[in-house]
Amino acid sequence: MKLIIGLGNPGEQYNNTRHNIGFMIVDKIAEDKKIKWQMNKKFNALIADLGEIILVKPQTFMNASGKSVSAILRYYKLIPQTIFGIKKESNLGETLTVIHDELDLPLGGYKLSLNSGSAGHNGVQSIIDNLKTKNFKRLRVGIATEAREHIPGDKFVLQKFNQEELKVINKILPEIISQI
């Protein structure tokens, strides 16, 4: 089983914002597979079940994503466990992929990493804190443009993509999805 978590903020006001690139990518996968999203209140997440792959959009807001992700992993018994004080690592590196925006990469760029820190991304840090491990894949998707130089990061990530930027994203989506 694979869990693919797209990070973003719930609510229409956040649609097509830079911070919601994770949601945009898992939405595209669900659309291509013709799978509908279902709200799961226990996980506080929208779920699209593809069988061996489960797509997830936490509805906790970005900075609390770890609560939703850890609830899902506990349910599927995939969360790392501590037995007699010894932490037993699971195979999260093979199971869990988190897709999120990355201010340090240019728009259209992406990087897949394993077992890396949050690099200041609060949604990723929430997942690390809740799972007590960083042993999972991160697909960092670049959102930086020239405008980033003039706007504080916390404001920039909440801006909507313009039409030209959306064209860049739509062009690279198949390539990004193939990396998952």
Protein backbone atom coordinates (compact mmCIF):
# COMPACT_ATOMS: atom_id res chain seq x y z
CA MET A 1 0.00 0.00 0.00
CA LYS A 2 1.14 3.54 -0.78
CA LEU A 3 -0.12 6.75 0.79
CA ILE A 4 0.31 9.92 -1.22
CA ILE A 5 -0.35 13.03 0.84
CA GLY A 6 -0.93 16.32 -0.96
CA LEU A 7 -0.43 19.27 1.38
CA GLY A 8 -2.55 22.40 1.21
CA ASN A 9 -5.19 24.41 2.99
CA PRO A 10 -8.89 23.53 2.81
CA GLY A 11 -11.40 26.04 1.49
CA GLU A 12 -12.17 27.61 -1.86
CA GLN A 13 -10.23 30.76 -1.01
CA TYR A 14 -7.03 28.66 -1.15
CA ASN A 15 -7.73 27.00 -4.52
CA ASN A 16 -4.85 27.55 -6.96
CA THR A 17 -2.63 29.15 -4.35
CA ARG A 18 1.06 28.29 -4.30
CA HIS A 19 0.75 26.62 -0.89
CA ASN A 20 -1.85 24.23 -2.36
CA ILE A 21 0.32 22.71 -5.08
CA GLY A 22 0.17 19.38 -3.18
CA PHE A 23 -3.63 19.41 -3.36
CA MET A 24 -3.46 20.32 -7.05
CA ILE A 25 -1.24 17.33 -7.85
CA VAL A 26 -3.31 14.72 -6.00
CA ASP A 27 -6.46 16.27 -7.53
CA LYS A 28 -4.96 15.67 -10.98
CA ILE A 29 -4.15 12.03 -10.13
CA ALA A 30 -7.71 11.44 -8.84
CA GLU A 31 -9.17 13.16 -11.91
CA ASP A 32 -7.06 11.04 -14.30
CA LYS A 33 -8.15 7.86 -12.49
CA LYS A 34 -11.78 9.08 -12.32
CA ILE A 35 -11.87 8.61 -8.54
CA LYS A 36 -14.04 10.83 -6.35
CA TRP A 37 -12.87 12.33 -3.07
CA GLN A 38 -14.64 11.18 0.11
CA MET A 39 -14.47 13.05 3.41
CA ASN A 40 -13.26 10.85 6.25
CA LYS A 41 -14.03 12.57 9.56
CA LYS A 42 -11.92 10.13 11.59
CA PHE A 43 -8.84 11.22 9.62
CA ASN A 44 -10.04 14.80 9.06
CA ALA A 45 -9.04 14.31 5.43
CA LEU A 46 -10.39 13.87 1.95
CA ILE A 47 -9.51 10.40 0.68
CA ALA A 48 -9.40 9.01 -2.86
CA ASP A 49 -8.86 5.25 -2.67
CA LEU A 50 -7.23 3.78 -5.78
CA GLY A 51 -6.80 0.33 -4.22
CA GLU A 52 -3.05 -0.06 -3.67
CA ILE A 53 -2.65 3.72 -3.58
CA ILE A 54 -4.55 6.07 -1.29
CA LEU A 55 -4.53 9.78 -2.05
CA VAL A 56 -5.00 12.12 0.90
CA LYS A 57 -5.79 15.83 1.30
CA PRO A 58 -5.61 16.69 5.03
CA GLN A 59 -8.33 19.16 6.01
CA THR A 60 -6.49 20.38 9.12
CA PHE A 61 -4.79 23.36 7.45
CA MET A 62 -1.17 23.14 6.47
CA ASN A 63 0.51 23.68 9.83
CA ALA A 64 -1.41 20.81 11.49
CA SER A 65 -1.14 18.27 8.64
CA GLY A 66 0.68 15.81 10.88
CA LYS A 67 -2.45 15.14 12.95
CA SER A 68 -4.33 13.87 9.93
CA VAL A 69 -1.38 11.95 8.48
CA SER A 70 -0.60 10.20 11.78
CA ALA A 71 -4.28 9.21 12.22
CA ILE A 72 -4.26 7.57 8.78
CA LEU A 73 -0.97 5.78 9.41
CA ARG A 74 -2.21 4.51 12.80
CA TYR A 75 -5.39 3.21 11.20
CA TYR A 76 -3.43 1.26 8.56
CA LYS A 77 -0.84 0.19 11.18
CA LEU A 78 1.97 1.85 9.23
CA ILE A 79 3.21 4.25 11.90
CA PRO A 80 6.63 3.60 13.46
CA GLN A 81 6.25 1.92 16.85
CA THR A 82 8.22 1.93 20.07
CA ILE A 83 8.53 -1.51 21.64
CA PHE A 84 10.16 -1.78 25.07
CA GLY A 85 11.65 1.67 24.60
CA ILE A 86 13.24 0.76 21.25
CA LYS A 87 11.92 2.55 18.21
CA LYS A 88 11.05 0.11 15.45
CA GLU A 89 11.17 1.87 12.08
CA SER A 90 8.53 0.95 9.56
CA ASN A 91 9.02 1.07 5.83
CA LEU A 92 7.53 4.55 5.56
CA GLY A 93 10.20 5.44 3.01
CA GLU A 94 8.51 3.02 0.64
CA THR A 95 4.96 3.72 1.76
CA LEU A 96 4.54 7.46 2.41
CA THR A 97 5.06 10.31 -0.06
CA VAL A 98 4.28 13.89 0.93
CA ILE A 99 3.85 16.43 -1.88
CA HIS A 100 4.29 20.10 -0.97
CA ASP A 101 5.31 23.53 -2.19
CA GLU A 102 8.94 24.58 -2.10
CA LEU A 103 10.03 28.23 -1.99
CA ASP A 104 13.66 27.32 -2.67
CA LEU A 105 12.92 25.79 -6.08
CA PRO A 106 11.85 27.73 -9.17
CA LEU A 107 8.35 27.32 -10.57
CA GLY A 108 8.36 24.15 -12.65
CA GLY A 109 11.20 22.55 -10.71
CA TYR A 110 10.82 19.64 -8.34
CA LYS A 111 12.94 17.37 -6.21
CA LEU A 112 12.23 13.99 -4.65
CA SER A 113 14.01 13.35 -1.36
CA LEU A 114 13.94 10.71 1.36
CA ASN A 115 14.61 11.05 5.06
CA SER A 116 15.21 14.80 4.99
CA GLY A 117 14.21 17.56 7.37
CA SER A 118 11.44 20.06 6.89
CA ALA A 119 13.68 22.91 5.64
CA GLY A 120 11.33 25.33 7.41
CA HIS A 121 8.11 24.00 5.84
CA ASN A 122 5.57 23.98 8.70
CA GLY A 123 3.31 21.32 7.15
CA VAL A 124 6.23 18.91 6.75
CA GLN A 125 7.47 19.75 10.26
CA SER A 126 4.02 18.93 11.64
CA ILE A 127 4.21 15.50 9.98
CA ILE A 128 7.74 14.89 11.30
CA ASP A 129 6.67 15.94 14.82
CA ASN A 130 3.57 13.74 14.82
CA LEU A 131 5.27 10.68 13.32
CA LYS A 132 8.49 11.22 15.28
CA THR A 133 10.44 10.35 12.14
CA LYS A 134 11.50 11.99 8.91
CA ASN A 135 11.82 8.63 7.16
CA PHE A 136 9.39 9.27 4.31
CA LYS A 137 9.55 10.63 0.77
CA ARG A 138 9.02 14.30 0.05
CA LEU A 139 8.19 15.57 -3.39
CA ARG A 140 9.11 19.23 -3.20
CA VAL A 141 7.49 21.23 -6.02
CA GLY A 142 8.95 24.62 -6.87
CA ILE A 143 6.75 27.70 -6.65
CA ALA A 144 9.35 30.51 -6.69
CA THR A 145 9.14 33.26 -9.30
CA GLU A 146 10.79 36.67 -9.58
CA ALA A 147 7.93 38.12 -7.50
CA ARG A 148 9.18 36.06 -4.54
CA GLU A 149 12.10 38.47 -4.09
CA HIS A 150 9.71 41.29 -3.17
CA ILE A 151 7.12 39.47 -1.05
CA PRO A 152 7.59 37.79 2.35
CA GLY A 153 7.37 33.98 2.09
CA ASP A 154 4.26 33.64 4.28
CA LYS A 155 2.36 36.05 1.99
CA PHE A 156 3.81 34.69 -1.25
CA VAL A 157 2.68 31.09 -0.63
CA LEU A 158 -0.93 32.23 -0.20
CA GLN A 159 -1.02 34.05 -3.55
CA LYS A 160 -2.91 32.47 -6.42
CA PHE A 161 -0.99 31.30 -9.48
CA ASN A 162 -1.55 33.50 -12.53
CA GLN A 163 -2.53 31.99 -15.91
CA GLU A 164 1.04 31.78 -17.20
CA GLU A 165 2.20 30.05 -14.02
CA LEU A 166 -0.70 27.57 -14.24
CA LYS A 167 0.41 26.72 -17.79
CA VAL A 168 3.89 25.87 -16.47
CA ILE A 169 2.38 23.69 -13.73
CA ASN A 170 0.00 21.90 -16.08
CA LYS A 171 2.88 21.20 -18.46
CA ILE A 172 5.04 19.54 -15.75
CA LEU A 173 2.24 17.68 -13.90
CA PRO A 174 2.61 14.42 -15.89
CA GLU A 175 6.37 14.41 -15.25
CA ILE A 176 5.88 15.13 -11.53
CA ILE A 177 3.21 12.44 -11.20
CA SER A 178 5.52 9.90 -12.84
CA GLN A 179 8.00 10.46 -9.96
CA ILE A 180 5.55 9.28 -7.31
